Every structure is written in structure tokens, then in C-alpha cells.
PDB file of all heavy atoms in Angstrom:
ATOM      1  N   PRO A   1       8.772  23.314  -2.177  1.00  0.00           N
ATOM      2  CA  PRO A   1       8.382  24.607  -2.770  1.00  0.00           C
ATOM      3  C   PRO A   1       7.716  24.465  -4.131  1.00  0.00           C
ATOM      4  O   PRO A   1       6.917  25.315  -4.530  1.00  0.00           O
ATOM      5  CB  PRO A   1       9.715  25.366  -2.886  1.00  0.00           C
ATOM      6  CG  PRO A   1      10.594  24.760  -1.857  1.00  0.00           C
ATOM      7  CD  PRO A   1      10.210  23.311  -1.813  1.00  0.00           C
ATOM      8  N   ALA A   2       8.042  23.391  -4.860  1.00  0.00           N
ATOM      9  CA  ALA A   2       7.423  23.158  -6.168  1.00  0.00           C
ATOM     10  C   ALA A   2       6.026  22.563  -6.036  1.00  0.00           C
ATOM     11  O   ALA A   2       5.306  22.432  -7.034  1.00  0.00           O
ATOM     12  CB  ALA A   2       8.301  22.223  -7.001  1.00  0.00           C
ATOM     13  N   GLY A   3       5.664  22.186  -4.812  1.00  0.00           N
ATOM     14  CA  GLY A   3       4.338  21.624  -4.579  1.00  0.00           C
ATOM     15  C   GLY A   3       4.160  20.226  -5.133  1.00  0.00           C
ATOM     16  O   GLY A   3       3.040  19.804  -5.424  1.00  0.00           O
ATOM     17  N   LEU A   4       5.275  19.480  -5.276  1.00  0.00           N
ATOM     18  CA  LEU A   4       5.198  18.139  -5.837  1.00  0.00           C
ATOM     19  C   LEU A   4       5.060  17.090  -4.743  1.00  0.00           C
ATOM     20  O   LEU A   4       5.572  17.252  -3.629  1.00  0.00           O
ATOM     21  CB  LEU A   4       6.444  17.853  -6.678  1.00  0.00           C
ATOM     22  CG  LEU A   4       6.618  18.745  -7.921  1.00  0.00           C
ATOM     23  CD1 LEU A   4       7.918  18.430  -8.627  1.00  0.00           C
ATOM     24  CD2 LEU A   4       5.442  18.604  -8.877  1.00  0.00           C
ATOM     25  N   GLU A   5       4.402  16.007  -5.083  1.00  0.00           N
ATOM     26  CA  GLU A   5       4.183  14.922  -4.138  1.00  0.00           C
ATOM     27  C   GLU A   5       5.427  14.040  -4.052  1.00  0.00           C
ATOM     28  O   GLU A   5       6.114  13.812  -5.050  1.00  0.00           O
ATOM     29  CB  GLU A   5       2.996  14.083  -4.624  1.00  0.00           C
ATOM     30  CG  GLU A   5       2.507  13.045  -3.634  1.00  0.00           C
ATOM     31  CD  GLU A   5       1.355  12.208  -4.206  1.00  0.00           C
ATOM     32  OE1 GLU A   5       0.684  12.669  -5.152  1.00  0.00           O
ATOM     33  OE2 GLU A   5       1.172  11.078  -3.703  1.00  0.00           O
ATOM     34  N   TYR A   6       5.735  13.572  -2.846  1.00  0.00           N
ATOM     35  CA  TYR A   6       6.872  12.664  -2.690  1.00  0.00           C
ATOM     36  C   TYR A   6       6.626  11.730  -1.514  1.00  0.00           C
ATOM     37  O   TYR A   6       5.869  12.051  -0.590  1.00  0.00           O
ATOM     38  CB  TYR A   6       8.182  13.432  -2.476  1.00  0.00           C
ATOM     39  CG  TYR A   6       8.302  14.057  -1.101  1.00  0.00           C
ATOM     40  CD1 TYR A   6       8.963  13.398  -0.053  1.00  0.00           C
ATOM     41  CD2 TYR A   6       7.743  15.313  -0.829  1.00  0.00           C
ATOM     42  CE1 TYR A   6       9.060  13.966   1.208  1.00  0.00           C
ATOM     43  CE2 TYR A   6       7.836  15.886   0.426  1.00  0.00           C
ATOM     44  CZ  TYR A   6       8.498  15.207   1.440  1.00  0.00           C
ATOM     45  OH  TYR A   6       8.589  15.768   2.698  1.00  0.00           O
ATOM     46  N   THR A   7       7.245  10.552  -1.571  1.00  0.00           N
ATOM     47  CA  THR A   7       7.246   9.642  -0.432  1.00  0.00           C
ATOM     48  C   THR A   7       8.661   9.103  -0.268  1.00  0.00           C
ATOM     49  O   THR A   7       9.376   8.894  -1.255  1.00  0.00           O
ATOM     50  CB  THR A   7       6.284   8.448  -0.644  1.00  0.00           C
ATOM     51  OG1 THR A   7       6.578   7.810  -1.891  1.00  0.00           O
ATOM     52  CG2 THR A   7       4.843   8.886  -0.644  1.00  0.00           C
ATOM     53  N   GLU A   8       9.060   8.890   0.981  1.00  0.00           N
ATOM     54  CA  GLU A   8      10.358   8.289   1.285  1.00  0.00           C
ATOM     55  C   GLU A   8      10.108   6.886   1.815  1.00  0.00           C
ATOM     56  O   GLU A   8       9.394   6.707   2.804  1.00  0.00           O
ATOM     57  CB  GLU A   8      11.124   9.127   2.314  1.00  0.00           C
ATOM     58  CG  GLU A   8      11.547  10.494   1.782  1.00  0.00           C
ATOM     59  CD  GLU A   8      12.397  11.265   2.780  1.00  0.00           C
ATOM     60  OE1 GLU A   8      11.810  11.957   3.630  1.00  0.00           O
ATOM     61  OE2 GLU A   8      13.641  11.172   2.713  1.00  0.00           O
ATOM     62  N   VAL A   9      10.680   5.883   1.142  1.00  0.00           N
ATOM     63  CA  VAL A   9      10.434   4.484   1.488  1.00  0.00           C
ATOM     64  C   VAL A   9      11.763   3.732   1.479  1.00  0.00           C
ATOM     65  O   VAL A   9      12.782   4.235   1.001  1.00  0.00           O
ATOM     66  CB  VAL A   9       9.440   3.829   0.497  1.00  0.00           C
ATOM     67  CG1 VAL A   9       8.087   4.531   0.533  1.00  0.00           C
ATOM     68  CG2 VAL A   9       9.994   3.843  -0.927  1.00  0.00           C
ATOM     69  N   THR A  10      11.730   2.502   2.003  1.00  0.00           N
ATOM     70  CA  THR A  10      12.948   1.694   2.015  1.00  0.00           C
ATOM     71  C   THR A  10      12.851   0.458   1.127  1.00  0.00           C
ATOM     72  O   THR A  10      13.864  -0.158   0.812  1.00  0.00           O
ATOM     73  CB  THR A  10      13.283   1.229   3.452  1.00  0.00           C
ATOM     74  OG1 THR A  10      12.160   0.512   3.975  1.00  0.00           O
ATOM     75  CG2 THR A  10      13.598   2.417   4.355  1.00  0.00           C
ATOM     76  N   SER A  11      11.646   0.091   0.684  1.00  0.00           N
ATOM     77  CA  SER A  11      11.469  -1.142  -0.088  1.00  0.00           C
ATOM     78  C   SER A  11      11.250  -0.864  -1.571  1.00  0.00           C
ATOM     79  O   SER A  11      10.327  -0.133  -1.950  1.00  0.00           O
ATOM     80  CB  SER A  11      10.277  -1.933   0.451  1.00  0.00           C
ATOM     81  OG  SER A  11       9.965  -3.016  -0.413  1.00  0.00           O
ATOM     82  N   LEU A  12      12.094  -1.460  -2.416  1.00  0.00           N
ATOM     83  CA  LEU A  12      11.898  -1.377  -3.867  1.00  0.00           C
ATOM     84  C   LEU A  12      10.742  -2.278  -4.296  1.00  0.00           C
ATOM     85  O   LEU A  12       9.879  -1.872  -5.079  1.00  0.00           O
ATOM     86  CB  LEU A  12      13.186  -1.776  -4.592  1.00  0.00           C
ATOM     87  CG  LEU A  12      13.118  -1.875  -6.122  1.00  0.00           C
ATOM     88  CD1 LEU A  12      12.672  -0.563  -6.740  1.00  0.00           C
ATOM     89  CD2 LEU A  12      14.472  -2.321  -6.688  1.00  0.00           C
ATOM     90  N   GLU A  13      10.706  -3.517  -3.773  1.00  0.00           N
ATOM     91  CA  GLU A  13       9.674  -4.484  -4.173  1.00  0.00           C
ATOM     92  C   GLU A  13       8.263  -3.948  -3.945  1.00  0.00           C
ATOM     93  O   GLU A  13       7.379  -4.132  -4.777  1.00  0.00           O
ATOM     94  CB  GLU A  13       9.815  -5.801  -3.393  1.00  0.00           C
ATOM     95  CG  GLU A  13      11.026  -6.618  -3.754  1.00  0.00           C
ATOM     96  CD  GLU A  13      12.223  -6.305  -2.848  1.00  0.00           C
ATOM     97  OE1 GLU A  13      12.355  -5.142  -2.409  1.00  0.00           O
ATOM     98  OE2 GLU A  13      13.010  -7.210  -2.602  1.00  0.00           O
ATOM     99  N   GLU A  14       8.051  -3.270  -2.823  1.00  0.00           N
ATOM    100  CA  GLU A  14       6.705  -2.810  -2.475  1.00  0.00           C
ATOM    101  C   GLU A  14       6.254  -1.608  -3.292  1.00  0.00           C
ATOM    102  O   GLU A  14       5.071  -1.255  -3.298  1.00  0.00           O
ATOM    103  CB  GLU A  14       6.646  -2.464  -0.978  1.00  0.00           C
ATOM    104  CG  GLU A  14       6.737  -3.690  -0.074  1.00  0.00           C
ATOM    105  CD  GLU A  14       6.813  -3.310   1.400  1.00  0.00           C
ATOM    106  OE1 GLU A  14       6.533  -2.126   1.723  1.00  0.00           O
ATOM    107  OE2 GLU A  14       7.166  -4.189   2.217  1.00  0.00           O
ATOM    108  N   ASN A  15       7.187  -0.972  -3.983  1.00  0.00           N
ATOM    109  CA  ASN A  15       6.850   0.276  -4.678  1.00  0.00           C
ATOM    110  C   ASN A  15       7.076   0.257  -6.180  1.00  0.00           C
ATOM    111  O   ASN A  15       6.612   1.148  -6.886  1.00  0.00           O
ATOM    112  CB  ASN A  15       7.659   1.426  -4.057  1.00  0.00           C
ATOM    113  CG  ASN A  15       7.249   1.715  -2.631  1.00  0.00           C
ATOM    114  OD1 ASN A  15       6.268   2.399  -2.388  1.00  0.00           O
ATOM    115  ND2 ASN A  15       7.985   1.161  -1.672  1.00  0.00           N
ATOM    116  N   ILE A  16       7.768  -0.763  -6.703  1.00  0.00           N
ATOM    117  CA  ILE A  16       8.118  -0.779  -8.121  1.00  0.00           C
ATOM    118  C   ILE A  16       6.886  -0.789  -9.028  1.00  0.00           C
ATOM    119  O   ILE A  16       6.898  -0.227 -10.130  1.00  0.00           O
ATOM    120  CB  ILE A  16       9.064  -1.964  -8.448  1.00  0.00           C
ATOM    121  CG1 ILE A  16       9.681  -1.788  -9.836  1.00  0.00           C
ATOM    122  CG2 ILE A  16       8.347  -3.305  -8.327  1.00  0.00           C
ATOM    123  CD1 ILE A  16      10.793  -2.772 -10.142  1.00  0.00           C
ATOM    124  N   GLY A  17       5.792  -1.389  -8.565  1.00  0.00           N
ATOM    125  CA  GLY A  17       4.593  -1.520  -9.398  1.00  0.00           C
ATOM    126  C   GLY A  17       3.898  -0.219  -9.723  1.00  0.00           C
ATOM    127  O   GLY A  17       3.082  -0.176 -10.652  1.00  0.00           O
ATOM    128  N   GLN A  18       4.185   0.854  -8.990  1.00  0.00           N
ATOM    129  CA  GLN A  18       3.504   2.137  -9.229  1.00  0.00           C
ATOM    130  C   GLN A  18       4.331   3.088 -10.086  1.00  0.00           C
ATOM    131  O   GLN A  18       3.897   4.207 -10.387  1.00  0.00           O
ATOM    132  CB  GLN A  18       3.190   2.816  -7.884  1.00  0.00           C
ATOM    133  CG  GLN A  18       4.438   3.156  -7.072  1.00  0.00           C
ATOM    134  CD  GLN A  18       4.132   3.849  -5.760  1.00  0.00           C
ATOM    135  OE1 GLN A  18       3.525   4.920  -5.763  1.00  0.00           O
ATOM    136  NE2 GLN A  18       4.535   3.244  -4.648  1.00  0.00           N
ATOM    137  N   LEU A  19       5.524   2.660 -10.515  1.00  0.00           N
ATOM    138  CA  LEU A  19       6.457   3.575 -11.171  1.00  0.00           C
ATOM    139  C   LEU A  19       6.316   3.600 -12.687  1.00  0.00           C
ATOM    140  O   LEU A  19       6.144   2.565 -13.331  1.00  0.00           O
ATOM    141  CB  LEU A  19       7.902   3.191 -10.821  1.00  0.00           C
ATOM    142  CG  LEU A  19       8.262   3.086  -9.330  1.00  0.00           C
ATOM    143  CD1 LEU A  19       9.707   2.652  -9.178  1.00  0.00           C
ATOM    144  CD2 LEU A  19       7.994   4.400  -8.613  1.00  0.00           C
ATOM    145  N   ASP A  20       6.445   4.802 -13.266  1.00  0.00           N
ATOM    146  CA  ASP A  20       6.579   4.965 -14.709  1.00  0.00           C
ATOM    147  C   ASP A  20       8.053   4.907 -15.114  1.00  0.00           C
ATOM    148  O   ASP A  20       8.393   4.474 -16.208  1.00  0.00           O
ATOM    149  CB  ASP A  20       6.013   6.317 -15.162  1.00  0.00           C
ATOM    150  CG  ASP A  20       4.535   6.448 -14.843  1.00  0.00           C
ATOM    151  OD1 ASP A  20       3.757   5.606 -15.324  1.00  0.00           O
ATOM    152  OD2 ASP A  20       4.164   7.386 -14.102  1.00  0.00           O
ATOM    153  N   ILE A  21       8.907   5.364 -14.197  1.00  0.00           N
ATOM    154  CA  ILE A  21      10.352   5.402 -14.430  1.00  0.00           C
ATOM    155  C   ILE A  21      11.041   4.952 -13.149  1.00  0.00           C
ATOM    156  O   ILE A  21      10.668   5.379 -12.049  1.00  0.00           O
ATOM    157  CB  ILE A  21      10.830   6.830 -14.774  1.00  0.00           C
ATOM    158  CG1 ILE A  21      10.132   7.348 -16.033  1.00  0.00           C
ATOM    159  CG2 ILE A  21      12.355   6.878 -14.950  1.00  0.00           C
ATOM    160  CD1 ILE A  21      10.212   8.867 -16.190  1.00  0.00           C
ATOM    161  N   LEU A  22      12.041   4.101 -13.286  1.00  0.00           N
ATOM    162  CA  LEU A  22      12.873   3.705 -12.147  1.00  0.00           C
ATOM    163  C   LEU A  22      14.300   4.147 -12.438  1.00  0.00           C
ATOM    164  O   LEU A  22      14.904   3.725 -13.429  1.00  0.00           O
ATOM    165  CB  LEU A  22      12.837   2.190 -11.918  1.00  0.00           C
ATOM    166  CG  LEU A  22      13.802   1.647 -10.855  1.00  0.00           C
ATOM    167  CD1 LEU A  22      13.543   2.280  -9.486  1.00  0.00           C
ATOM    168  CD2 LEU A  22      13.704   0.122 -10.757  1.00  0.00           C
ATOM    169  N   TYR A  23      14.822   5.015 -11.586  1.00  0.00           N
ATOM    170  CA  TYR A  23      16.180   5.545 -11.749  1.00  0.00           C
ATOM    171  C   TYR A  23      17.063   4.878 -10.694  1.00  0.00           C
ATOM    172  O   TYR A  23      17.012   5.213  -9.516  1.00  0.00           O
ATOM    173  CB  TYR A  23      16.159   7.069 -11.559  1.00  0.00           C
ATOM    174  CG  TYR A  23      17.400   7.793 -12.032  1.00  0.00           C
ATOM    175  CD1 TYR A  23      17.457   8.336 -13.309  1.00  0.00           C
ATOM    176  CD2 TYR A  23      18.499   7.963 -11.202  1.00  0.00           C
ATOM    177  CE1 TYR A  23      18.581   9.023 -13.753  1.00  0.00           C
ATOM    178  CE2 TYR A  23      19.623   8.645 -11.636  1.00  0.00           C
ATOM    179  CZ  TYR A  23      19.658   9.182 -12.909  1.00  0.00           C
ATOM    180  OH  TYR A  23      20.773   9.858 -13.344  1.00  0.00           O
ATOM    181  N   MET A  24      17.838   3.897 -11.134  1.00  0.00           N
ATOM    182  CA  MET A  24      18.715   3.163 -10.220  1.00  0.00           C
ATOM    183  C   MET A  24      20.062   3.877 -10.086  1.00  0.00           C
ATOM    184  O   MET A  24      20.561   4.478 -11.051  1.00  0.00           O
ATOM    185  CB  MET A  24      18.964   1.737 -10.736  1.00  0.00           C
ATOM    186  CG  MET A  24      17.752   0.843 -10.742  1.00  0.00           C
ATOM    187  SD  MET A  24      17.129   0.435  -9.094  1.00  0.00           S
ATOM    188  CE  MET A  24      18.499  -0.523  -8.408  1.00  0.00           C
ATOM    189  N   THR A  25      20.662   3.804  -8.904  1.00  0.00           N
ATOM    190  CA  THR A  25      22.007   4.358  -8.703  1.00  0.00           C
ATOM    191  C   THR A  25      22.841   3.358  -7.922  1.00  0.00           C
ATOM    192  O   THR A  25      22.305   2.529  -7.178  1.00  0.00           O
ATOM    193  CB  THR A  25      21.979   5.679  -7.911  1.00  0.00           C
ATOM    194  OG1 THR A  25      21.530   5.426  -6.566  1.00  0.00           O
ATOM    195  CG2 THR A  25      21.046   6.694  -8.553  1.00  0.00           C
ATOM    196  N   ARG A  26      24.151   3.445  -8.099  1.00  0.00           N
ATOM    197  CA  ARG A  26      25.043   2.585  -7.328  1.00  0.00           C
ATOM    198  C   ARG A  26      25.362   3.247  -5.985  1.00  0.00           C
ATOM    199  O   ARG A  26      25.302   4.477  -5.843  1.00  0.00           O
ATOM    200  CB  ARG A  26      26.340   2.302  -8.099  1.00  0.00           C
ATOM    201  CG  ARG A  26      27.269   3.472  -8.219  1.00  0.00           C
ATOM    202  CD  ARG A  26      28.470   3.172  -9.127  1.00  0.00           C
ATOM    203  NE  ARG A  26      29.198   4.399  -9.383  1.00  0.00           N
ATOM    204  CZ  ARG A  26      30.259   4.810  -8.696  1.00  0.00           C
ATOM    205  NH1 ARG A  26      30.738   4.083  -7.708  1.00  0.00           N
ATOM    206  NH2 ARG A  26      30.852   5.950  -8.992  1.00  0.00           N
ATOM    207  N   VAL A  27      25.687   2.420  -5.005  1.00  0.00           N
ATOM    208  CA  VAL A  27      26.223   2.932  -3.743  1.00  0.00           C
ATOM    209  C   VAL A  27      27.693   3.239  -4.003  1.00  0.00           C
ATOM    210  O   VAL A  27      28.466   2.364  -4.387  1.00  0.00           O
ATOM    211  CB  VAL A  27      26.047   1.910  -2.604  1.00  0.00           C
ATOM    212  CG1 VAL A  27      26.705   2.403  -1.334  1.00  0.00           C
ATOM    213  CG2 VAL A  27      24.558   1.657  -2.367  1.00  0.00           C
ATOM    214  N   GLN A  28      28.083   4.494  -3.814  1.00  0.00           N
ATOM    215  CA  GLN A  28      29.376   4.976  -4.281  1.00  0.00           C
ATOM    216  C   GLN A  28      30.467   4.813  -3.218  1.00  0.00           C
ATOM    217  O   GLN A  28      30.516   5.560  -2.253  1.00  0.00           O
ATOM    218  CB  GLN A  28      29.278   6.455  -4.681  1.00  0.00           C
ATOM    219  CG  GLN A  28      28.239   6.702  -5.761  1.00  0.00           C
ATOM    220  CD  GLN A  28      28.078   8.170  -6.050  1.00  0.00           C
ATOM    221  OE1 GLN A  28      28.832   8.749  -6.812  1.00  0.00           O
ATOM    222  NE2 GLN A  28      27.094   8.775  -5.415  1.00  0.00           N
ATOM    223  N   ARG A  29      31.307   3.852  -3.434  1.00  0.00           N
ATOM    224  CA  ARG A  29      32.397   3.564  -2.492  1.00  0.00           C
ATOM    225  C   ARG A  29      33.252   4.804  -2.226  1.00  0.00           C
ATOM    226  O   ARG A  29      33.678   5.071  -1.100  1.00  0.00           O
ATOM    227  CB  ARG A  29      33.274   2.436  -3.063  1.00  0.00           C
ATOM    228  CG  ARG A  29      34.484   2.105  -2.217  1.00  0.00           C
ATOM    229  CD  ARG A  29      35.314   0.980  -2.846  1.00  0.00           C
ATOM    230  NE  ARG A  29      35.474  -0.123  -1.936  1.00  0.00           N
ATOM    231  CZ  ARG A  29      35.490  -1.389  -2.286  1.00  0.00           C
ATOM    232  NH1 ARG A  29      35.341  -1.731  -3.535  1.00  0.00           N
ATOM    233  NH2 ARG A  29      35.658  -2.334  -1.385  1.00  0.00           N
ATOM    234  N   GLU A  30      33.509   5.603  -3.291  1.00  0.00           N
ATOM    235  CA  GLU A  30      34.424   6.734  -3.162  1.00  0.00           C
ATOM    236  C   GLU A  30      33.889   7.864  -2.300  1.00  0.00           C
ATOM    237  O   GLU A  30      34.638   8.761  -1.910  1.00  0.00           O
ATOM    238  CB  GLU A  30      34.794   7.280  -4.552  1.00  0.00           C
ATOM    239  CG  GLU A  30      33.644   7.879  -5.347  1.00  0.00           C
ATOM    240  CD  GLU A  30      32.930   6.886  -6.257  1.00  0.00           C
ATOM    241  OE1 GLU A  30      32.881   5.680  -5.914  1.00  0.00           O
ATOM    242  OE2 GLU A  30      32.416   7.302  -7.301  1.00  0.00           O
TER     243      GLU A  30
END
């Protein structure tokens, strides 16, 4: 609805070079 561009991918290595910001998160056991 905001009209923003997005892509859903599985590889960090293939996409890290295009990023201005990388927001990492942990896989949450709980």
C-alpha cells in the first residue's frame, strides 16, 4: 500500500553488495 519496492530472497552473499543498511536478526529459539 505504501508503493515501496521489495524483493524476497534467500541469499545474503548475493545481495549484500546493494545494501545501504543491513539489519541482522537472530533466529529466536523461544
